[in-house]
Amino acid sequence: MKILLIDNAGLVCKNHRFYCVEGTGKFAAELVELGADVTMFGQKVVMESCVSVFDIEAHGIKTAGLWRKKNKVMSYLGLYFNAIKYICKSDFVYIFYPNAFRFLAFICSLLGVKYGLYVRGDEGIEDRVSKRIYKRAAVVLTVSQMFTNMVNRVTNSNVAENIRPMLSYDDSDVVYDHVYVSKDKYELLFLCRIQKAKGILELMEALQRMKSNDAHTFHLTVAGDGDYLDEAKNECKKMGLENEVTFLGGVYDNKLKAEIYRKADLYVLPTYYNEGFPRTLYEAMIFGTPVLTTMVAGIASLMKDKENCRELAPHSVDSIVEVLTYAFNHYDEMGKLAKNGAKMVAKVVDRNRPSHARQLYQKIEQYGK
């Protein structure tokens, strides 16, 4: 079975080898282990990306696409035309959605090649084009029940299903015995890709305000890499938070990441980024870290205010100050929310559920019968 994977992240070339993000790479590698002939298609770029750490070809995965050109429009036009020959050679095309290559779904239909979608964000999820693409898809897998319900509603079918999150942890890693004790100083954690839309600037502004009020003692660990990292460090200095904030950079070792979560008293994610359901929220709940988060996109499908987290308002420094202050003063309550989160996430990451790769592979086999 020849499967063509079309992600929007690009194929990163370092030292004449191609790399992708770990989650996508492990997913593709498992498809290979299941017996598929997998080709990852995308725009090839030369860069020293710390996010793309998975060696694609070392795991028996092929690569296809074109090198990025200076003209963005010409790059994508070239990629669209180049994709046609690979679609013709494939038994199945799997498109990460939404995606700049989403119109390739129509080309698949014209060529009589079955395709599936991995819906992981709400951008254009209910627009006219998306509805047509969903209806023609053989398989639709999503990152949250909210997206599954949306797709099934607009297609008037049950074509969409949830996947088990693509994490390096499962229910055997869930921490149930964490002790939540009020402290004089709280350790805060912001772990994710460092982008402005993740709310890092608003978080630091909130901490600057809380520091100036001298009401609470805290320390923030920022773990992650991204295009806003250097600017975030500069803003931190301007705000005079060098002693209160530590930047670790990208953390890719799973044991180290687990340790960072366990040491944190609160995980704070003031994101307003258009995303599905952040993996870091699963991870925080797995390791018993109380969560403060906004409810944008697919987050509200699992996170419930005063049930397994406390809600932050997007773009709001005031909200972060208010909720952090409450968490510091009612930390025993935050512990109860974290324990609720641990029980809930254990069901979501149950190792007995099929992985994303296996679920897709089984769906393709069923569709082909």
Protein backbone atom coordinates (compact mmCIF):
# COMPACT_ATOMS: atom_id res chain seq x y z
CA MET A 1 0.00 0.00 0.00
CA LYS A 2 1.52 3.30 -1.13
CA ILE A 3 0.55 6.23 1.11
CA LEU A 4 1.38 9.86 0.31
CA LEU A 5 1.49 12.12 3.40
CA ILE A 6 0.98 15.82 2.80
CA ASP A 7 1.85 18.00 5.78
CA ASN A 8 2.16 21.78 5.72
CA ALA A 9 5.29 21.96 7.87
CA GLY A 10 7.84 21.38 5.11
CA LEU A 11 10.79 19.03 4.84
CA VAL A 12 13.78 20.50 6.66
CA CYS A 13 17.19 19.68 5.19
CA LYS A 14 20.16 19.59 7.56
CA ASN A 15 23.50 18.11 6.54
CA HIS A 16 21.98 16.64 3.36
CA ARG A 17 19.28 14.74 5.30
CA PHE A 18 15.60 15.54 5.69
CA TYR A 19 13.89 16.04 9.05
CA CYS A 20 10.37 16.70 10.34
CA VAL A 21 8.75 17.23 13.73
CA GLU A 22 8.89 14.19 15.99
CA GLY A 23 5.15 13.50 16.21
CA THR A 24 4.65 13.43 12.45
CA GLY A 25 7.79 11.38 11.95
CA LYS A 26 6.81 8.71 14.46
CA PHE A 27 3.34 8.52 12.90
CA ALA A 28 4.84 7.95 9.44
CA ALA A 29 7.37 5.45 10.79
CA GLU A 30 4.61 3.39 12.39
CA LEU A 31 2.77 3.27 9.06
CA VAL A 32 5.97 1.83 7.56
CA GLU A 33 6.11 -0.75 10.36
CA LEU A 34 2.52 -1.72 9.59
CA GLY A 35 3.53 -2.48 6.00
CA ALA A 36 2.89 0.75 4.11
CA ASP A 37 5.21 2.34 1.54
CA VAL A 38 5.19 5.93 2.83
CA THR A 39 6.26 9.11 1.03
CA MET A 40 6.21 12.50 2.76
CA PHE A 41 5.51 15.34 0.32
CA GLY A 42 6.22 18.99 0.93
CA GLN A 43 8.33 22.06 0.41
CA LYS A 44 12.03 21.38 0.93
CA VAL A 45 13.93 23.99 2.91
CA VAL A 46 17.47 24.27 4.24
CA MET A 47 17.47 25.52 7.80
CA GLU A 48 18.78 24.74 11.26
CA SER A 49 15.38 24.01 12.79
CA CYS A 50 15.49 22.71 16.35
CA VAL A 51 11.84 21.69 16.08
CA SER A 52 12.40 19.29 13.19
CA VAL A 53 14.51 16.60 14.84
CA PHE A 54 13.12 13.36 13.34
CA ASP A 55 15.37 11.83 10.65
CA ILE A 56 12.83 10.86 7.97
CA GLU A 57 14.90 8.65 5.68
CA ALA A 58 16.54 6.80 8.58
CA HIS A 59 13.11 5.30 9.32
CA GLY A 60 12.38 3.99 5.84
CA ILE A 61 10.23 6.95 4.80
CA LYS A 62 10.63 8.48 1.35
CA THR A 63 10.54 12.21 0.61
CA ALA A 64 9.19 14.13 -2.36
CA GLY A 65 8.60 17.76 -3.27
CA LEU A 66 10.45 20.81 -4.52
CA TRP A 67 12.94 23.23 -3.02
CA ARG A 68 11.52 26.50 -1.79
CA LYS A 69 11.83 29.43 -4.20
CA LYS A 70 12.07 33.11 -3.34
CA ASN A 71 8.64 33.70 -4.84
CA LYS A 72 6.13 32.06 -2.52
CA VAL A 73 3.35 31.89 -5.10
CA MET A 74 5.61 30.21 -7.67
CA SER A 75 6.81 27.77 -5.01
CA TYR A 76 3.29 26.56 -4.25
CA LEU A 77 2.24 26.46 -7.91
CA GLY A 78 5.27 24.29 -8.64
CA LEU A 79 4.48 22.04 -5.68
CA TYR A 80 0.88 21.58 -6.81
CA PHE A 81 1.95 20.47 -10.27
CA ASN A 82 4.72 18.31 -8.85
CA ALA A 83 2.28 16.63 -6.47
CA ILE A 84 0.16 15.27 -9.31
CA LYS A 85 2.70 12.64 -10.36
CA TYR A 86 3.06 11.39 -6.79
CA ILE A 87 -0.72 11.25 -6.32
CA CYS A 88 -0.97 9.13 -9.48
CA LYS A 89 1.55 6.67 -8.02
CA SER A 90 -0.24 6.42 -4.65
CA ASP A 91 -2.98 4.15 -3.37
CA PHE A 92 -4.01 6.66 -0.72
CA VAL A 93 -3.29 10.32 0.05
CA TYR A 94 -3.47 11.61 3.63
CA ILE A 95 -3.67 15.40 4.03
CA PHE A 96 -2.99 17.19 7.31
CA TYR A 97 -5.82 19.76 7.45
CA PRO A 98 -6.12 22.74 7.22
CA ASN A 99 -3.25 22.93 4.80
CA ALA A 100 -1.99 25.14 1.97
CA PHE A 101 -2.26 22.00 -0.17
CA ARG A 102 -5.92 21.31 0.62
CA PHE A 103 -6.99 21.71 -3.01
CA LEU A 104 -4.98 18.58 -3.80
CA ALA A 105 -8.02 16.75 -2.41
CA PHE A 106 -9.94 17.77 -5.54
CA ILE A 107 -7.09 16.54 -7.73
CA CYS A 108 -7.25 13.20 -5.91
CA SER A 109 -10.96 13.00 -6.70
CA LEU A 110 -10.38 13.83 -10.38
CA LEU A 111 -7.67 11.16 -10.61
CA GLY A 112 -9.74 8.56 -8.77
CA VAL A 113 -7.27 8.29 -5.85
CA LYS A 114 -8.76 7.86 -2.37
CA TYR A 115 -7.79 10.46 0.20
CA GLY A 116 -8.19 11.07 3.90
CA LEU A 117 -7.89 14.08 6.20
CA TYR A 118 -6.29 14.66 9.56
CA VAL A 119 -8.22 17.64 10.96
CA ARG A 120 -6.17 19.39 13.64
CA GLY A 121 -7.32 23.02 13.52
CA ASP A 122 -10.50 25.04 13.08
CA GLU A 123 -9.34 27.42 10.34
CA GLY A 124 -11.96 27.20 7.62
CA ILE A 125 -13.36 24.06 9.22
CA GLU A 126 -16.92 24.88 8.16
CA ASP A 127 -16.37 26.90 4.96
CA ARG A 128 -17.85 25.80 1.64
CA VAL A 129 -14.61 24.36 0.28
CA SER A 130 -13.94 22.32 3.41
CA LYS A 131 -17.44 20.86 3.35
CA ARG A 132 -16.92 19.60 -0.19
CA ILE A 133 -13.54 18.15 0.73
CA TYR A 134 -14.96 16.35 3.79
CA LYS A 135 -17.81 14.83 1.80
CA ARG A 136 -15.46 13.27 -0.73
CA ALA A 137 -12.96 11.96 1.83
CA ALA A 138 -12.71 8.25 2.53
CA VAL A 139 -11.39 8.86 6.05
CA VAL A 140 -11.46 11.87 8.39
CA LEU A 141 -9.60 11.67 11.69
CA THR A 142 -9.56 14.61 14.12
CA VAL A 143 -7.76 15.75 17.26
CA SER A 144 -10.90 16.47 19.27
CA GLN A 145 -14.53 15.48 19.66
CA MET A 146 -15.55 19.04 18.78
CA PHE A 147 -13.96 18.78 15.34
CA THR A 148 -15.39 15.29 14.85
CA ASN A 149 -18.88 16.58 15.61
CA MET A 150 -18.43 19.53 13.24
CA VAL A 151 -17.32 17.37 10.32
CA ASN A 152 -20.04 14.78 10.87
CA ARG A 153 -22.65 17.52 11.12
CA VAL A 154 -21.69 19.26 7.88
CA THR A 155 -21.40 15.96 5.98
CA ASN A 156 -24.50 14.45 7.61
CA SER A 157 -22.50 11.27 8.17
CA ASN A 158 -20.18 9.50 10.59
CA VAL A 159 -17.08 9.83 8.42
CA ALA A 160 -15.04 11.52 11.18
CA GLU A 161 -13.52 9.90 14.27
CA ASN A 162 -11.16 11.03 17.04
CA ILE A 163 -7.60 9.76 17.23
CA ARG A 164 -5.57 8.84 20.28
CA PRO A 165 -3.24 11.84 20.75
CA MET A 166 0.19 11.47 19.15
CA LEU A 167 2.13 11.63 22.40
CA SER A 168 5.20 9.92 23.78
CA TYR A 169 3.24 9.14 26.95
CA ASP A 170 0.20 6.99 27.75
CA ASP A 171 -2.04 6.08 30.69
CA SER A 172 0.84 4.24 32.41
CA ASP A 173 2.58 7.62 32.85
CA VAL A 174 -0.35 9.38 34.52
CA VAL A 175 0.58 10.78 37.96
CA TYR A 176 -2.11 10.29 40.61
CA ASP A 177 -0.12 10.79 43.82
CA HIS A 178 1.05 14.37 43.31
CA VAL A 179 0.80 16.42 46.53
CA TYR A 180 -0.49 19.99 46.24
CA VAL A 181 0.74 22.21 49.07
CA SER A 182 0.52 25.99 49.29
CA LYS A 183 3.93 27.66 48.94
CA ASP A 184 5.65 30.97 49.44
CA LYS A 185 7.00 30.74 45.87
CA TYR A 186 5.27 29.10 42.89
CA GLU A 187 6.98 27.57 39.87
CA LEU A 188 5.13 28.44 36.65
CA LEU A 189 5.65 26.66 33.34
CA PHE A 190 5.11 27.82 29.76
CA LEU A 191 6.10 24.90 27.52
CA CYS A 192 5.20 25.01 23.84
CA ARG A 193 6.43 26.38 20.52
CA ILE A 194 7.41 30.00 21.18
CA GLN A 195 5.13 32.11 19.01
CA LYS A 196 3.57 35.46 19.82
CA ALA A 197 0.06 34.02 19.36
CA LYS A 198 0.72 31.53 22.16
CA GLY A 199 0.35 34.43 24.60
CA ILE A 200 3.92 34.57 25.94
CA LEU A 201 4.01 38.38 25.83
CA GLU A 202 0.73 38.74 27.73
CA LEU A 203 1.97 36.24 30.32
CA MET A 204 5.17 38.19 30.95
CA GLU A 205 3.24 41.47 31.14
CA ALA A 206 0.99 39.89 33.76
CA LEU A 207 4.01 38.75 35.76
CA GLN A 208 5.57 42.21 35.50
CA ARG A 209 2.41 43.68 36.96
CA MET A 210 2.31 41.09 39.74
CA LYS A 211 5.98 41.67 40.53
CA SER A 212 5.50 45.42 40.78
CA ASN A 213 2.61 44.87 43.19
CA ASP A 214 4.96 42.69 45.25
CA ALA A 215 1.98 40.51 46.11
CA HIS A 216 3.32 37.07 45.15
CA THR A 217 6.63 35.31 44.62
CA PHE A 218 7.01 33.18 41.51
CA HIS A 219 9.39 31.90 38.88
CA LEU A 220 8.50 31.16 35.25
CA THR A 221 10.25 28.52 33.14
CA VAL A 222 9.83 29.01 29.39
CA ALA A 223 10.59 25.79 27.51
CA GLY A 224 10.41 25.65 23.74
CA ASP A 225 11.85 26.89 20.49
CA GLY A 226 10.25 29.04 17.80
CA ASP A 227 10.39 32.15 15.70
CA TYR A 228 9.44 34.44 18.59
CA LEU A 229 12.02 33.13 21.08
CA ASP A 230 14.64 35.86 20.62
CA GLU A 231 12.05 38.62 20.74
CA ALA A 232 10.50 37.07 23.86
CA LYS A 233 13.91 37.16 25.55
CA ASN A 234 14.34 40.81 24.60
CA GLU A 235 10.89 41.69 25.95
CA CYS A 236 11.72 39.84 29.16
CA LYS A 237 14.78 42.06 29.68
CA LYS A 238 12.82 45.23 28.90
CA MET A 239 10.27 44.24 31.56
CA GLY A 240 13.01 43.62 34.12
CA LEU A 241 12.05 39.96 34.59
CA GLU A 242 15.49 38.38 34.10
CA ASN A 243 15.48 37.02 37.67
CA GLU A 244 11.91 35.73 37.45
CA VAL A 245 12.03 34.04 34.02
CA THR A 246 14.31 31.28 32.72
CA PHE A 247 14.41 30.31 29.03
CA LEU A 248 15.39 26.67 28.50
CA GLY A 249 15.05 26.55 24.71
CA GLY A 250 13.67 23.46 23.00
CA VAL A 251 13.21 20.37 25.18
CA TYR A 252 13.02 17.14 23.17
CA ASP A 253 14.03 14.49 25.68
CA ASN A 254 10.82 12.93 27.00
CA LYS A 255 12.25 12.11 30.44
CA LEU A 256 13.49 15.67 30.89
CA LYS A 257 10.18 17.08 29.73
CA ALA A 258 8.30 14.89 32.21
CA GLU A 259 10.58 16.12 34.99
CA ILE A 260 9.90 19.75 34.05
CA TYR A 261 6.14 19.19 34.28
CA ARG A 262 6.44 17.45 37.64
CA LYS A 263 8.45 20.32 39.11
CA ALA A 264 5.96 22.94 37.94
CA ASP A 265 3.19 24.12 40.26
CA LEU A 266 1.10 25.56 37.42
CA TYR A 267 1.09 25.17 33.63
CA VAL A 268 0.01 28.42 31.95
CA LEU A 269 -1.08 28.56 28.28
CA PRO A 270 -2.68 31.92 27.35
CA THR A 271 -2.77 30.96 23.65
CA TYR A 272 -4.94 32.63 21.04
CA TYR A 273 -3.26 30.63 18.26
CA ASN A 274 -5.56 28.91 15.76
CA GLU A 275 -4.79 25.35 16.76
CA GLY A 276 -6.57 22.10 17.47
CA PHE A 277 -5.85 20.71 20.92
CA PRO A 278 -2.31 21.42 22.19
CA ARG A 279 -0.33 18.33 23.17
CA THR A 280 1.08 20.20 26.11
CA LEU A 281 -2.33 20.28 27.79
CA TYR A 282 -2.47 16.48 27.62
CA GLU A 283 1.08 16.32 29.00
CA ALA A 284 0.37 18.72 31.86
CA MET A 285 -2.65 16.66 32.93
CA ILE A 286 -0.68 13.41 32.61
CA PHE A 287 1.96 14.68 35.04
CA GLY A 288 -0.49 16.26 37.46
CA THR A 289 0.34 19.89 36.75
CA PRO A 290 -2.65 22.23 37.35
CA VAL A 291 -3.64 24.00 34.13
CA LEU A 292 -4.55 27.61 33.35
CA THR A 293 -5.56 27.97 29.69
CA THR A 294 -7.66 29.84 27.18
CA MET A 295 -10.47 27.94 25.42
CA VAL A 296 -9.69 28.76 21.80
CA ALA A 297 -10.27 26.31 18.93
CA GLY A 298 -10.44 22.69 20.10
CA ILE A 299 -9.29 23.29 23.69
CA ALA A 300 -12.85 23.64 24.99
CA SER A 301 -13.65 20.11 23.81
CA LEU A 302 -11.79 18.64 26.80
CA MET A 303 -10.86 21.48 29.13
CA LYS A 304 -13.65 22.71 31.40
CA ASP A 305 -13.31 25.73 33.67
CA LYS A 306 -13.46 24.83 37.39
CA GLU A 307 -13.57 21.14 36.47
CA ASN A 308 -10.07 20.26 35.21
CA CYS A 309 -8.53 23.75 34.73
CA ARG A 310 -9.07 27.48 35.18
CA GLU A 311 -9.97 29.50 32.13
CA LEU A 312 -8.00 32.48 30.81
CA ALA A 313 -9.47 35.09 28.48
CA PRO A 314 -7.52 35.41 25.19
CA HIS A 315 -5.39 38.57 24.72
CA SER A 316 -6.06 39.57 28.33
CA VAL A 317 -3.29 40.48 30.76
CA ASP A 318 -5.96 41.28 33.36
CA SER A 319 -7.35 37.76 33.10
CA ILE A 320 -3.94 36.17 33.62
CA VAL A 321 -3.28 38.33 36.68
CA GLU A 322 -6.72 37.53 38.12
CA VAL A 323 -6.52 33.76 37.55
CA LEU A 324 -2.92 33.44 38.70
CA THR A 325 -3.73 35.39 41.86
CA TYR A 326 -6.66 33.08 42.53
CA ALA A 327 -4.51 29.99 41.90
CA PHE A 328 -1.83 31.19 44.33
CA ASN A 329 -4.43 31.86 47.02
CA HIS A 330 -6.42 28.65 46.45
CA TYR A 331 -3.76 26.14 45.50
CA ASP A 332 -5.54 23.26 47.21
CA GLU A 333 -8.41 23.83 44.78
CA MET A 334 -5.98 23.78 41.85
CA GLY A 335 -4.82 20.38 43.07
CA LYS A 336 -8.37 19.04 42.91
CA LEU A 337 -8.70 20.29 39.33
CA ALA A 338 -5.42 18.60 38.42
CA LYS A 339 -6.59 15.29 39.88
CA ASN A 340 -9.77 15.53 37.82
CA GLY A 341 -7.64 16.20 34.77
CA ALA A 342 -5.48 13.14 35.46
CA LYS A 343 -8.53 10.87 35.61
CA MET A 344 -9.92 12.31 32.38
CA VAL A 345 -6.69 12.22 30.38
CA ALA A 346 -6.01 8.60 31.37
CA LYS A 347 -9.01 7.56 29.27
CA VAL A 348 -7.90 9.69 26.33
CA VAL A 349 -4.35 8.29 26.24
CA ASP A 350 -5.35 4.69 27.06
CA ARG A 351 -2.64 2.53 25.48
CA ASN A 352 -5.30 -0.02 24.49
CA ARG A 353 -6.76 2.47 22.01
CA PRO A 354 -5.25 2.12 18.54
CA SER A 355 -2.60 4.68 17.65
CA HIS A 356 -3.24 7.30 14.99
CA ALA A 357 -1.21 5.30 12.46
CA ARG A 358 -2.95 2.01 13.20
CA GLN A 359 -6.39 3.62 13.16
CA LEU A 360 -5.68 5.16 9.75
CA TYR A 361 -4.20 1.94 8.37
CA GLN A 362 -7.22 -0.07 9.48
CA LYS A 363 -9.59 2.51 7.96
CA ILE A 364 -7.76 2.39 4.64
CA GLU A 365 -7.92 -1.39 4.60
CA GLN A 366 -11.65 -1.34 5.41
CA TYR A 367 -12.33 1.21 2.71
CA GLY A 368 -10.48 -0.88 0.15
CA LYS A 369 -12.61 -3.98 0.73
